[in-house]
Every structure is written in C-alpha cells, then in structure tokens.
C-alpha cells in the first residue's frame, strides 16, 4: 500500500487550550455552535490528532499497523487505516453529527478497489451520540467520544 506523509499535532490539547476550545465543545454533536465554521479546518485537524493518539495506542496493543491513504491525484483519502495482516479497519473522522453519503464515499471506494485481497471494516467517527451501522454500505458510525476522548 503506497504511503504519503501525514503530520499530527504532538499535543492537540495545547492548541485547544490556546483557542479556548474544551474537549466537551470539540466532541459536542453540534461543534459549530461553539467554534463557528471559520475554524472548521483547524478543528478537524485537532480532532484527527486526538483520534490518532487513541488509535496509535490501540494499534500498539493489537500489534497492528496504523497508517493512512491518499491517492497520487488527491482524489481519495482515508484518514486512518488500522492493519493487522489481511484485516483492515478504515476510519473517516468528521467534526459533525450528521452522516452524509459524501462522508463515506472514500471508505466505500477503497473497499471496492481492494477487492477480495483484504477483509475490510469501515468506520465513520463523528460527534454524534449514537453508534449504529448504516444498512446501505455497512459503515459503522461511532461517536468519537466512545474512543475515550
């Protein structure tokens, strides 16, 4: 699987503190009411950094590998891939409680091109309050707070 560098904040809590953003605000199901849409890219990076910190610990405990995917043209990206042998868990992180088809299109695309070579599970981590499985594509929708953040 080709890899491209992706960088995370070592301690996103420092940036959150400087921005006066609390963990509760960040994981609230309506994060925009606290921070405004103008900071959505930065908040997305903070959220991905927090998720990364949890997933890297889980990967280590499972003796698995954590990476991400971005195609060479930048058309498709998977925020995180947890790999152990032929098993892959694909993660998309969204700072929104809504679930739109566009949020999971990269997960579904990756599953389609991977074919039978891998056993794939797909997870959308969001700021919602309920975990469930989408029937149409078997994507697991999981509140970020369930990671223990």
C-alpha atoms as a PDB file:
ATOM      1  CA  UNK A   1       0.000   0.000   0.000  1.00  0.00           C
ATOM      2  CA  UNK A   2       1.652   3.311  -1.022  1.00  0.00           C
ATOM      3  CA  UNK A   3       2.095   5.809   1.756  1.00  0.00           C
ATOM      4  CA  UNK A   4       2.409   9.589   1.896  1.00  0.00           C
ATOM      5  CA  UNK A   5       3.426  11.575   4.965  1.00  0.00           C
ATOM      6  CA  UNK A   6       0.719  12.941   7.215  1.00  0.00           C
ATOM      7  CA  UNK A   7       1.501  15.063  10.244  1.00  0.00           C
ATOM      8  CA  UNK A   8      -0.321  15.341  13.571  1.00  0.00           C
ATOM      9  CA  UNK A   9      -0.007  17.710  16.467  1.00  0.00           C
ATOM     10  CA  UNK A  10       2.028  16.127  19.235  1.00  0.00           C
ATOM     11  CA  UNK A  11      -0.268  17.564  21.885  1.00  0.00           C
ATOM     12  CA  UNK A  12      -3.517  18.936  20.449  1.00  0.00           C
ATOM     13  CA  UNK A  13      -4.619  19.804  23.992  1.00  0.00           C
ATOM     14  CA  UNK A  14      -2.170  22.736  23.975  1.00  0.00           C
ATOM     15  CA  UNK A  15      -3.704  24.145  20.785  1.00  0.00           C
ATOM     16  CA  UNK A  16      -7.195  23.572  22.185  1.00  0.00           C
ATOM     17  CA  UNK A  17      -6.268  25.451  25.340  1.00  0.00           C
ATOM     18  CA  UNK A  18      -4.868  28.389  23.379  1.00  0.00           C
ATOM     19  CA  UNK A  19      -8.073  28.514  21.331  1.00  0.00           C
ATOM     20  CA  UNK A  20     -10.273  28.197  24.444  1.00  0.00           C
ATOM     21  CA  UNK A  21     -11.843  25.052  22.994  1.00  0.00           C
ATOM     22  CA  UNK A  22     -12.796  22.430  25.564  1.00  0.00           C
ATOM     23  CA  UNK A  23     -12.961  18.691  24.974  1.00  0.00           C
ATOM     24  CA  UNK A  24     -16.715  18.884  25.538  1.00  0.00           C
ATOM     25  CA  UNK A  25     -17.076  21.546  22.855  1.00  0.00           C
ATOM     26  CA  UNK A  26     -14.944  19.553  20.443  1.00  0.00           C
ATOM     27  CA  UNK A  27     -16.975  16.370  20.866  1.00  0.00           C
ATOM     28  CA  UNK A  28     -20.367  18.093  21.114  1.00  0.00           C
ATOM     29  CA  UNK A  29     -22.780  16.894  18.470  1.00  0.00           C
ATOM     30  CA  UNK A  30     -23.052  20.499  17.195  1.00  0.00           C
ATOM     31  CA  UNK A  31     -19.437  21.658  17.391  1.00  0.00           C
ATOM     32  CA  UNK A  32     -20.041  24.600  15.020  1.00  0.00           C
ATOM     33  CA  UNK A  33     -22.180  26.406  17.602  1.00  0.00           C
ATOM     34  CA  UNK A  34     -19.090  26.674  19.839  1.00  0.00           C
ATOM     35  CA  UNK A  35     -16.333  27.448  17.393  1.00  0.00           C
ATOM     36  CA  UNK A  36     -18.000  28.739  14.271  1.00  0.00           C
ATOM     37  CA  UNK A  37     -17.496  27.439  10.768  1.00  0.00           C
ATOM     38  CA  UNK A  38     -14.463  29.667  10.175  1.00  0.00           C
ATOM     39  CA  UNK A  39     -12.257  27.372  12.265  1.00  0.00           C
ATOM     40  CA  UNK A  40     -13.604  24.093  10.901  1.00  0.00           C
ATOM     41  CA  UNK A  41     -10.352  23.079   9.164  1.00  0.00           C
ATOM     42  CA  UNK A  42      -8.309  23.678  12.306  1.00  0.00           C
ATOM     43  CA  UNK A  43     -10.849  21.879  14.472  1.00  0.00           C
ATOM     44  CA  UNK A  44     -10.787  18.972  12.020  1.00  0.00           C
ATOM     45  CA  UNK A  45      -7.010  18.765  12.391  1.00  0.00           C
ATOM     46  CA  UNK A  46      -7.303  18.880  16.185  1.00  0.00           C
ATOM     47  CA  UNK A  47      -9.926  16.143  16.110  1.00  0.00           C
ATOM     48  CA  UNK A  48      -7.801  13.954  13.823  1.00  0.00           C
ATOM     49  CA  UNK A  49      -4.812  14.456  16.125  1.00  0.00           C
ATOM     50  CA  UNK A  50      -6.863  13.390  19.153  1.00  0.00           C
ATOM     51  CA  UNK A  51      -8.172  10.341  17.290  1.00  0.00           C
ATOM     52  CA  UNK A  52      -4.636   9.494  16.157  1.00  0.00           C
ATOM     53  CA  UNK A  53      -3.441   9.471  19.768  1.00  0.00           C
ATOM     54  CA  UNK A  54      -6.092   6.891  20.664  1.00  0.00           C
ATOM     55  CA  UNK A  55      -5.690   4.742  17.564  1.00  0.00           C
ATOM     56  CA  UNK A  56      -1.895   4.532  17.839  1.00  0.00           C
ATOM     57  CA  UNK A  57      -2.291   3.150  21.372  1.00  0.00           C
ATOM     58  CA  UNK A  58      -4.858   0.594  20.152  1.00  0.00           C
ATOM     59  CA  UNK A  59      -2.611  -0.362  17.232  1.00  0.00           C
ATOM     60  CA  UNK A  60       0.310  -0.950  19.575  1.00  0.00           C
ATOM     61  CA  UNK A  61      -1.819  -3.059  21.927  1.00  0.00           C
ATOM     62  CA  UNK A  62      -3.069  -5.155  18.992  1.00  0.00           C
ATOM     63  CA  UNK A  63       0.374  -5.422  17.371  1.00  0.00           C
ATOM     64  CA  UNK A  64      -1.182  -3.767  14.326  1.00  0.00           C
ATOM     65  CA  UNK A  65      -0.008  -1.030  11.968  1.00  0.00           C
ATOM     66  CA  UNK A  66      -1.632   2.414  11.756  1.00  0.00           C
ATOM     67  CA  UNK A  67      -1.340   4.432   8.548  1.00  0.00           C
ATOM     68  CA  UNK A  68      -3.446   6.497   6.169  1.00  0.00           C
ATOM     69  CA  UNK A  69      -4.075   6.548   2.433  1.00  0.00           C
ATOM     70  CA  UNK A  70      -4.142   9.325  -0.144  1.00  0.00           C
ATOM     71  CA  UNK A  71      -4.025   8.597  -3.860  1.00  0.00           C
ATOM     72  CA  UNK A  72      -1.434  10.350  -6.021  1.00  0.00           C
ATOM     73  CA  UNK A  73      -4.005  12.721  -7.519  1.00  0.00           C
ATOM     74  CA  UNK A  74      -5.538  13.657  -4.171  1.00  0.00           C
ATOM     75  CA  UNK A  75      -8.986  12.435  -5.165  1.00  0.00           C
ATOM     76  CA  UNK A  76      -9.329   9.829  -2.432  1.00  0.00           C
ATOM     77  CA  UNK A  77      -8.164   9.820   1.159  1.00  0.00           C
ATOM     78  CA  UNK A  78      -8.656   7.545   4.144  1.00  0.00           C
ATOM     79  CA  UNK A  79      -7.927   9.325   7.424  1.00  0.00           C
ATOM     80  CA  UNK A  80      -6.677   6.204   9.222  1.00  0.00           C
ATOM     81  CA  UNK A  81      -6.145   2.552   8.369  1.00  0.00           C
ATOM     82  CA  UNK A  82      -5.566   0.024  11.123  1.00  0.00           C
ATOM     83  CA  UNK A  83      -3.963  -3.056   9.556  1.00  0.00           C
ATOM     84  CA  UNK A  84      -3.249  -6.457  11.005  1.00  0.00           C
ATOM     85  CA  UNK A  85      -2.412  -9.000   8.350  1.00  0.00           C
ATOM     86  CA  UNK A  86      -5.205  -9.037   5.790  1.00  0.00           C
ATOM     87  CA  UNK A  87      -7.631  -7.239   8.100  1.00  0.00           C
ATOM     88  CA  UNK A  88      -8.124  -3.510   7.569  1.00  0.00           C
ATOM     89  CA  UNK A  89     -10.249  -1.079   9.530  1.00  0.00           C
ATOM     90  CA  UNK A  90     -10.771   2.139   7.583  1.00  0.00           C
ATOM     91  CA  UNK A  91     -11.577   5.310   9.544  1.00  0.00           C
ATOM     92  CA  UNK A  92     -13.036   8.615   8.416  1.00  0.00           C
ATOM     93  CA  UNK A  93     -13.158  11.406  11.034  1.00  0.00           C
ATOM     94  CA  UNK A  94     -15.804  14.149  10.880  1.00  0.00           C
ATOM     95  CA  UNK A  95     -16.460  17.006  13.295  1.00  0.00           C
ATOM     96  CA  UNK A  96     -20.150  16.794  12.563  1.00  0.00           C
ATOM     97  CA  UNK A  97     -23.013  14.739  13.931  1.00  0.00           C
ATOM     98  CA  UNK A  98     -24.715  14.419  10.549  1.00  0.00           C
ATOM     99  CA  UNK A  99     -23.926  11.460   8.334  1.00  0.00           C
ATOM    100  CA  UNK A 100     -23.884  12.126   4.623  1.00  0.00           C
ATOM    101  CA  UNK A 101     -23.087   9.725   1.798  1.00  0.00           C
ATOM    102  CA  UNK A 102     -20.239  12.037   0.790  1.00  0.00           C
ATOM    103  CA  UNK A 103     -18.585  11.428   4.194  1.00  0.00           C
ATOM    104  CA  UNK A 104     -18.191   7.712   3.500  1.00  0.00           C
ATOM    105  CA  UNK A 105     -17.543   7.710  -0.245  1.00  0.00           C
ATOM    106  CA  UNK A 106     -13.772   7.263   0.177  1.00  0.00           C
ATOM    107  CA  UNK A 107     -14.316   4.335   2.555  1.00  0.00           C
ATOM    108  CA  UNK A 108     -16.641   2.656   0.054  1.00  0.00           C
ATOM    109  CA  UNK A 109     -14.298   3.424  -2.860  1.00  0.00           C
ATOM    110  CA  UNK A 110     -11.333   1.876  -1.044  1.00  0.00           C
ATOM    111  CA  UNK A 111     -13.318  -1.258  -0.216  1.00  0.00           C
ATOM    112  CA  UNK A 112     -14.316  -1.581  -3.863  1.00  0.00           C
ATOM    113  CA  UNK A 113     -10.775  -1.291  -5.253  1.00  0.00           C
ATOM    114  CA  UNK A 114      -9.289  -3.564  -2.574  1.00  0.00           C
ATOM    115  CA  UNK A 115     -11.478  -6.414  -3.755  1.00  0.00           C
ATOM    116  CA  UNK A 116     -11.062  -9.756  -2.034  1.00  0.00           C
ATOM    117  CA  UNK A 117      -7.449  -9.185  -1.010  1.00  0.00           C
ATOM    118  CA  UNK A 118      -8.401  -7.695   2.381  1.00  0.00           C
ATOM    119  CA  UNK A 119     -11.102  -8.149   4.990  1.00  0.00           C
ATOM    120  CA  UNK A 120     -12.363  -4.596   5.394  1.00  0.00           C
ATOM    121  CA  UNK A 121     -14.381  -2.876   8.090  1.00  0.00           C
ATOM    122  CA  UNK A 122     -15.398   0.766   7.655  1.00  0.00           C
ATOM    123  CA  UNK A 123     -15.869   3.273  10.478  1.00  0.00           C
ATOM    124  CA  UNK A 124     -17.097   6.860  10.413  1.00  0.00           C
ATOM    125  CA  UNK A 125     -16.082   8.603  13.644  1.00  0.00           C
ATOM    126  CA  UNK A 126     -18.224  11.672  14.278  1.00  0.00           C
ATOM    127  CA  UNK A 127     -19.545  13.911  17.040  1.00  0.00           C
ATOM    128  CA  UNK A 128     -22.882  12.131  17.182  1.00  0.00           C
ATOM    129  CA  UNK A 129     -24.263  10.480  20.287  1.00  0.00           C
ATOM    130  CA  UNK A 130     -25.352   7.080  18.969  1.00  0.00           C
ATOM    131  CA  UNK A 131     -23.384   4.208  17.424  1.00  0.00           C
ATOM    132  CA  UNK A 132     -25.036   2.257  14.628  1.00  0.00           C
ATOM    133  CA  UNK A 133     -24.379   0.529  11.307  1.00  0.00           C
ATOM    134  CA  UNK A 134     -25.564   2.049   8.047  1.00  0.00           C
ATOM    135  CA  UNK A 135     -27.542  -0.632   6.252  1.00  0.00           C
ATOM    136  CA  UNK A 136     -26.727   0.505   2.711  1.00  0.00           C
ATOM    137  CA  UNK A 137     -22.945   0.135   2.965  1.00  0.00           C
ATOM    138  CA  UNK A 138     -22.216  -1.477   6.357  1.00  0.00           C
ATOM    139  CA  UNK A 139     -20.280   1.576   7.606  1.00  0.00           C
ATOM    140  CA  UNK A 140     -20.110   1.662  11.400  1.00  0.00           C
ATOM    141  CA  UNK A 141     -20.995   5.156  12.647  1.00  0.00           C
ATOM    142  CA  UNK A 142     -19.296   5.666  16.010  1.00  0.00           C
ATOM    143  CA  UNK A 143     -19.240   8.736  18.269  1.00  0.00           C
ATOM    144  CA  UNK A 144     -15.667   9.939  18.762  1.00  0.00           C
ATOM    145  CA  UNK A 145     -16.361  10.103  22.496  1.00  0.00           C
ATOM    146  CA  UNK A 146     -16.504   6.282  22.507  1.00  0.00           C
ATOM    147  CA  UNK A 147     -12.733   6.263  21.928  1.00  0.00           C
ATOM    148  CA  UNK A 148     -12.373   7.605  25.442  1.00  0.00           C
ATOM    149  CA  UNK A 149     -11.562  11.160  24.372  1.00  0.00           C
END
